[in-house]
Amino acid sequence: QVQLVESGGGLVQPGGSLRLSCAASGSIFAIYRMGWYRQAPGKQRELVAASTSGGNTNYADSVKGRFTISRDNAKNMVYLQMNSLRPEDTAVYYCNAAPPFRDSWGRGTQVTVSS
């Protein structure tokens, strides 16, 4: 199964920025559409950004214009640049394929936006 490890979360002030990283195992990483998901307390997990192997991207309306997903297929890495952060962005952020592999969810990384 695919193993995924997220990192880069932390506490930031509203309007601040953060860059998340995701390291993926396997030698066939480059063929998958990858995404970033988030789950806030009491809310369902939602897909906020996705990127095909060729770099075509999609974003949830709530983050469009503020978040940017990117990937380095040679390094099996996916990134999420988060700018203009808002308190409502507070959540645990996960990476996975999009659509996800159900058995490949990692621990995620906590992002807290607060003054």
N, C-alpha and C. Protein backbone atom coordinates (compact mmCIF):
# COMPACT_ATOMS: atom_id res chain seq x y z
N GLN A 1 0.82 -1.18 0.00
CA GLN A 1 0.00 0.00 0.00
C GLN A 1 0.87 1.25 0.00
N VAL A 2 0.29 2.34 -0.45
CA VAL A 2 0.99 3.60 -0.50
C VAL A 2 1.09 4.18 0.91
N GLN A 3 2.27 4.68 1.24
CA GLN A 3 2.49 5.34 2.52
C GLN A 3 2.71 6.83 2.28
N LEU A 4 2.05 7.64 3.10
CA LEU A 4 2.10 9.08 2.94
C LEU A 4 2.41 9.74 4.27
N VAL A 5 3.31 10.70 4.24
CA VAL A 5 3.71 11.41 5.44
C VAL A 5 3.62 12.90 5.21
N GLU A 6 2.75 13.56 5.98
CA GLU A 6 2.56 15.00 5.87
C GLU A 6 3.41 15.73 6.90
N SER A 7 3.82 16.93 6.55
CA SER A 7 4.58 17.76 7.47
C SER A 7 4.39 19.23 7.11
N GLY A 8 4.81 20.10 8.01
CA GLY A 8 4.80 21.52 7.74
C GLY A 8 3.72 22.32 8.43
N GLY A 9 2.82 21.64 9.13
CA GLY A 9 1.77 22.36 9.82
C GLY A 9 2.29 23.13 11.02
N GLY A 10 1.42 23.93 11.59
CA GLY A 10 1.80 24.72 12.75
C GLY A 10 0.77 25.78 13.06
N LEU A 11 1.15 26.67 13.96
CA LEU A 11 0.30 27.78 14.37
C LEU A 11 0.71 29.04 13.62
N VAL A 12 -0.24 29.66 12.95
CA VAL A 12 0.03 30.89 12.22
C VAL A 12 -1.06 31.91 12.50
N GLN A 13 -0.73 33.18 12.34
CA GLN A 13 -1.70 34.25 12.52
C GLN A 13 -2.55 34.42 11.27
N PRO A 14 -3.77 34.93 11.43
CA PRO A 14 -4.58 35.22 10.24
C PRO A 14 -3.81 36.10 9.26
N GLY A 15 -3.92 35.76 7.99
CA GLY A 15 -3.19 36.46 6.95
C GLY A 15 -1.81 35.90 6.69
N GLY A 16 -1.38 34.97 7.51
CA GLY A 16 -0.07 34.38 7.35
C GLY A 16 -0.04 33.29 6.31
N SER A 17 1.14 32.69 6.17
CA SER A 17 1.36 31.66 5.16
C SER A 17 2.01 30.43 5.78
N LEU A 18 1.81 29.32 5.11
CA LEU A 18 2.39 28.06 5.54
C LEU A 18 2.55 27.18 4.31
N ARG A 19 3.58 26.36 4.31
CA ARG A 19 3.80 25.43 3.21
C ARG A 19 3.82 24.01 3.74
N LEU A 20 2.90 23.20 3.28
CA LEU A 20 2.82 21.81 3.69
C LEU A 20 3.53 20.92 2.68
N SER A 21 4.10 19.83 3.17
CA SER A 21 4.78 18.87 2.32
C SER A 21 4.22 17.49 2.55
N CYS A 22 4.23 16.68 1.52
CA CYS A 22 3.77 15.31 1.59
C CYS A 22 4.77 14.43 0.87
N ALA A 23 5.30 13.45 1.59
CA ALA A 23 6.23 12.49 1.01
C ALA A 23 5.49 11.19 0.77
N ALA A 24 5.54 10.70 -0.44
CA ALA A 24 4.84 9.49 -0.83
C ALA A 24 5.81 8.38 -1.16
N SER A 25 5.47 7.18 -0.76
CA SER A 25 6.29 6.02 -1.08
C SER A 25 5.89 5.47 -2.43
N GLY A 26 6.71 4.56 -2.94
CA GLY A 26 6.39 3.89 -4.17
C GLY A 26 7.08 4.46 -5.39
N SER A 27 7.19 3.63 -6.39
CA SER A 27 7.88 4.02 -7.61
C SER A 27 6.92 4.45 -8.72
N ILE A 28 5.61 4.38 -8.46
CA ILE A 28 4.62 4.75 -9.47
C ILE A 28 3.84 6.00 -9.06
N PHE A 29 4.42 6.79 -8.18
CA PHE A 29 3.78 8.01 -7.70
C PHE A 29 3.33 8.91 -8.84
N ALA A 30 4.13 9.00 -9.87
CA ALA A 30 3.90 9.96 -10.94
C ALA A 30 2.61 9.74 -11.72
N ILE A 31 2.01 8.56 -11.62
CA ILE A 31 0.81 8.29 -12.40
C ILE A 31 -0.47 8.74 -11.71
N TYR A 32 -0.40 9.06 -10.43
CA TYR A 32 -1.61 9.36 -9.66
C TYR A 32 -1.94 10.84 -9.62
N ARG A 33 -3.24 11.12 -9.67
CA ARG A 33 -3.72 12.44 -9.32
C ARG A 33 -3.66 12.53 -7.80
N MET A 34 -3.00 13.54 -7.28
CA MET A 34 -2.80 13.70 -5.85
C MET A 34 -3.57 14.91 -5.33
N GLY A 35 -3.96 14.81 -4.08
CA GLY A 35 -4.73 15.89 -3.50
C GLY A 35 -4.38 16.16 -2.05
N TRP A 36 -4.79 17.33 -1.61
CA TRP A 36 -4.74 17.70 -0.20
C TRP A 36 -6.17 17.76 0.32
N TYR A 37 -6.38 17.13 1.45
CA TYR A 37 -7.66 17.10 2.12
C TYR A 37 -7.51 17.76 3.49
N ARG A 38 -8.62 18.19 4.04
CA ARG A 38 -8.58 18.70 5.41
C ARG A 38 -9.84 18.29 6.15
N GLN A 39 -9.70 18.20 7.46
CA GLN A 39 -10.82 17.87 8.31
C GLN A 39 -10.76 18.73 9.57
N ALA A 40 -11.78 19.54 9.72
CA ALA A 40 -11.92 20.38 10.90
C ALA A 40 -12.75 19.64 11.94
N PRO A 41 -12.63 20.01 13.22
CA PRO A 41 -13.43 19.35 14.25
C PRO A 41 -14.92 19.41 13.95
N GLY A 42 -15.57 18.25 14.03
CA GLY A 42 -17.00 18.18 13.78
C GLY A 42 -17.40 18.25 12.33
N LYS A 43 -16.43 18.29 11.43
CA LYS A 43 -16.71 18.38 10.01
C LYS A 43 -16.21 17.14 9.27
N GLN A 44 -16.75 16.91 8.09
CA GLN A 44 -16.28 15.82 7.26
C GLN A 44 -15.00 16.21 6.54
N ARG A 45 -14.20 15.21 6.21
CA ARG A 45 -13.00 15.46 5.45
C ARG A 45 -13.39 15.95 4.05
N GLU A 46 -12.69 16.96 3.58
CA GLU A 46 -12.98 17.52 2.27
C GLU A 46 -11.71 17.68 1.45
N LEU A 47 -11.84 17.52 0.16
CA LEU A 47 -10.74 17.75 -0.76
C LEU A 47 -10.65 19.24 -1.04
N VAL A 48 -9.48 19.82 -0.83
CA VAL A 48 -9.33 21.25 -1.06
C VAL A 48 -8.48 21.57 -2.28
N ALA A 49 -7.63 20.65 -2.70
CA ALA A 49 -6.78 20.89 -3.86
C ALA A 49 -6.34 19.57 -4.45
N ALA A 50 -6.19 19.52 -5.76
CA ALA A 50 -5.73 18.31 -6.42
C ALA A 50 -4.90 18.67 -7.63
N SER A 51 -4.01 17.76 -7.98
CA SER A 51 -3.14 17.96 -9.13
C SER A 51 -2.94 16.64 -9.86
N THR A 52 -3.13 16.64 -11.16
CA THR A 52 -2.84 15.46 -11.96
C THR A 52 -1.34 15.32 -12.10
N SER A 53 -0.93 14.17 -12.61
CA SER A 53 0.50 13.94 -12.81
C SER A 53 1.10 14.96 -13.76
N GLY A 54 0.28 15.49 -14.65
CA GLY A 54 0.74 16.48 -15.59
C GLY A 54 0.66 17.91 -15.11
N GLY A 55 0.14 18.11 -13.89
CA GLY A 55 0.11 19.44 -13.31
C GLY A 55 -1.18 20.21 -13.47
N ASN A 56 -2.23 19.58 -13.97
CA ASN A 56 -3.52 20.25 -14.01
C ASN A 56 -4.12 20.25 -12.61
N THR A 57 -4.60 21.41 -12.16
CA THR A 57 -5.03 21.57 -10.78
C THR A 57 -6.49 21.93 -10.66
N ASN A 58 -7.05 21.59 -9.49
CA ASN A 58 -8.41 21.95 -9.12
C ASN A 58 -8.41 22.35 -7.66
N TYR A 59 -9.27 23.31 -7.32
CA TYR A 59 -9.34 23.81 -5.96
C TYR A 59 -10.78 23.96 -5.51
N ALA A 60 -10.99 23.72 -4.23
CA ALA A 60 -12.29 24.03 -3.64
C ALA A 60 -12.47 25.54 -3.65
N ASP A 61 -13.72 25.97 -3.79
CA ASP A 61 -13.99 27.40 -3.83
C ASP A 61 -13.48 28.13 -2.59
N SER A 62 -13.48 27.44 -1.46
CA SER A 62 -13.08 28.07 -0.21
C SER A 62 -11.60 28.44 -0.16
N VAL A 63 -10.78 27.82 -1.00
CA VAL A 63 -9.34 28.08 -0.97
C VAL A 63 -8.81 28.63 -2.27
N LYS A 64 -9.63 28.69 -3.29
CA LYS A 64 -9.19 29.15 -4.60
C LYS A 64 -8.63 30.56 -4.51
N GLY A 65 -7.46 30.74 -5.10
CA GLY A 65 -6.80 32.03 -5.08
C GLY A 65 -5.88 32.22 -3.90
N ARG A 66 -5.97 31.34 -2.91
CA ARG A 66 -5.13 31.44 -1.72
C ARG A 66 -4.16 30.28 -1.57
N PHE A 67 -4.58 29.10 -2.00
CA PHE A 67 -3.76 27.90 -1.89
C PHE A 67 -3.25 27.48 -3.27
N THR A 68 -2.06 26.91 -3.30
CA THR A 68 -1.48 26.39 -4.53
C THR A 68 -0.89 25.02 -4.29
N ILE A 69 -1.35 24.04 -5.04
CA ILE A 69 -0.80 22.69 -4.95
C ILE A 69 0.26 22.53 -6.03
N SER A 70 1.32 21.84 -5.70
CA SER A 70 2.37 21.55 -6.66
C SER A 70 2.96 20.19 -6.35
N ARG A 71 3.73 19.66 -7.27
CA ARG A 71 4.31 18.34 -7.06
C ARG A 71 5.64 18.22 -7.77
N ASP A 72 6.46 17.35 -7.23
CA ASP A 72 7.74 17.00 -7.82
C ASP A 72 7.72 15.49 -7.98
N ASN A 73 7.38 15.04 -9.17
CA ASN A 73 7.22 13.61 -9.40
C ASN A 73 8.53 12.84 -9.23
N ALA A 74 9.63 13.46 -9.56
CA ALA A 74 10.93 12.80 -9.42
C ALA A 74 11.27 12.52 -7.97
N LYS A 75 10.75 13.36 -7.06
CA LYS A 75 11.02 13.20 -5.64
C LYS A 75 9.86 12.60 -4.86
N ASN A 76 8.79 12.25 -5.55
CA ASN A 76 7.59 11.71 -4.89
C ASN A 76 7.08 12.66 -3.80
N MET A 77 7.01 13.94 -4.13
CA MET A 77 6.59 14.95 -3.17
C MET A 77 5.42 15.76 -3.71
N VAL A 78 4.53 16.13 -2.80
CA VAL A 78 3.42 17.03 -3.10
C VAL A 78 3.45 18.15 -2.07
N TYR A 79 3.16 19.36 -2.52
CA TYR A 79 3.22 20.52 -1.64
C TYR A 79 1.91 21.30 -1.68
N LEU A 80 1.66 22.02 -0.62
CA LEU A 80 0.52 22.92 -0.58
C LEU A 80 0.98 24.25 0.01
N GLN A 81 1.06 25.26 -0.83
CA GLN A 81 1.38 26.60 -0.37
C GLN A 81 0.08 27.27 0.04
N MET A 82 0.02 27.71 1.28
CA MET A 82 -1.19 28.29 1.85
C MET A 82 -0.91 29.74 2.22
N ASN A 83 -1.58 30.65 1.54
CA ASN A 83 -1.42 32.07 1.80
C ASN A 83 -2.73 32.67 2.28
N SER A 84 -2.64 33.86 2.85
CA SER A 84 -3.82 34.57 3.33
C SER A 84 -4.70 33.68 4.20
N LEU A 85 -4.08 33.01 5.13
CA LEU A 85 -4.79 32.04 5.94
C LEU A 85 -5.84 32.69 6.84
N ARG A 86 -6.92 31.97 7.01
CA ARG A 86 -8.05 32.42 7.81
C ARG A 86 -8.31 31.44 8.94
N PRO A 87 -8.95 31.88 10.02
CA PRO A 87 -9.25 30.95 11.11
C PRO A 87 -10.04 29.73 10.65
N GLU A 88 -10.90 29.88 9.67
CA GLU A 88 -11.68 28.76 9.18
C GLU A 88 -10.86 27.74 8.40
N ASP A 89 -9.59 28.05 8.13
CA ASP A 89 -8.69 27.08 7.52
C ASP A 89 -8.13 26.10 8.56
N THR A 90 -8.39 26.35 9.82
CA THR A 90 -7.90 25.48 10.88
C THR A 90 -8.45 24.07 10.70
N ALA A 91 -7.55 23.10 10.62
CA ALA A 91 -7.94 21.72 10.37
C ALA A 91 -6.69 20.84 10.39
N VAL A 92 -6.91 19.54 10.37
CA VAL A 92 -5.84 18.61 10.11
C VAL A 92 -5.80 18.39 8.60
N TYR A 93 -4.64 18.56 8.02
CA TYR A 93 -4.48 18.44 6.57
C TYR A 93 -3.81 17.12 6.22
N TYR A 94 -4.37 16.45 5.23
CA TYR A 94 -3.88 15.16 4.77
C TYR A 94 -3.61 15.20 3.27
N CYS A 95 -2.66 14.39 2.84
CA CYS A 95 -2.51 14.17 1.41
C CYS A 95 -2.90 12.74 1.09
N ASN A 96 -3.32 12.53 -0.13
CA ASN A 96 -3.70 11.21 -0.60
C ASN A 96 -3.95 11.35 -2.10
N ALA A 97 -4.11 10.21 -2.74
CA ALA A 97 -4.55 10.25 -4.12
C ALA A 97 -5.95 10.86 -4.18
N ALA A 98 -6.32 11.33 -5.34
CA ALA A 98 -7.64 11.90 -5.54
C ALA A 98 -8.26 11.29 -6.79
N PRO A 99 -9.18 10.36 -6.60
CA PRO A 99 -9.82 9.89 -5.38
C PRO A 99 -8.85 9.13 -4.49
N PRO A 100 -9.11 9.08 -3.19
CA PRO A 100 -8.12 8.56 -2.24
C PRO A 100 -8.04 7.05 -2.18
N PHE A 101 -6.87 6.58 -1.79
CA PHE A 101 -6.70 5.20 -1.39
C PHE A 101 -7.16 5.09 0.06
N ARG A 102 -8.17 4.29 0.31
CA ARG A 102 -8.80 4.25 1.62
C ARG A 102 -7.88 3.77 2.73
N ASP A 103 -6.88 2.98 2.40
CA ASP A 103 -5.98 2.44 3.41
C ASP A 103 -4.67 3.20 3.51
N SER A 104 -4.58 4.35 2.88
CA SER A 104 -3.32 5.07 2.82
C SER A 104 -3.31 6.40 3.57
N TRP A 105 -4.36 6.67 4.35
CA TRP A 105 -4.38 7.92 5.12
C TRP A 105 -3.26 7.94 6.15
N GLY A 106 -2.53 9.04 6.17
CA GLY A 106 -1.49 9.22 7.16
C GLY A 106 -2.03 9.89 8.40
N ARG A 107 -1.13 10.40 9.21
CA ARG A 107 -1.54 11.07 10.45
C ARG A 107 -1.99 12.50 10.21
N GLY A 108 -1.63 13.05 9.09
CA GLY A 108 -1.97 14.43 8.80
C GLY A 108 -1.07 15.39 9.54
N THR A 109 -1.26 16.67 9.27
CA THR A 109 -0.51 17.71 9.96
C THR A 109 -1.47 18.82 10.35
N GLN A 110 -1.38 19.25 11.60
CA GLN A 110 -2.31 20.23 12.14
C GLN A 110 -1.95 21.64 11.70
N VAL A 111 -2.94 22.34 11.18
CA VAL A 111 -2.81 23.75 10.85
C VAL A 111 -3.78 24.53 11.72
N THR A 112 -3.27 25.45 12.49
CA THR A 112 -4.10 26.28 13.34
C THR A 112 -3.87 27.74 13.00
N VAL A 113 -4.93 28.43 12.65
CA VAL A 113 -4.85 29.84 12.29
C VAL A 113 -5.56 30.63 13.39
N SER A 114 -4.79 31.35 14.15
CA SER A 114 -5.34 32.08 15.29
C SER A 114 -4.41 33.22 15.68
N SER A 115 -5.01 34.27 16.18
CA SER A 115 -4.24 35.40 16.68
C SER A 115 -3.94 35.26 18.16
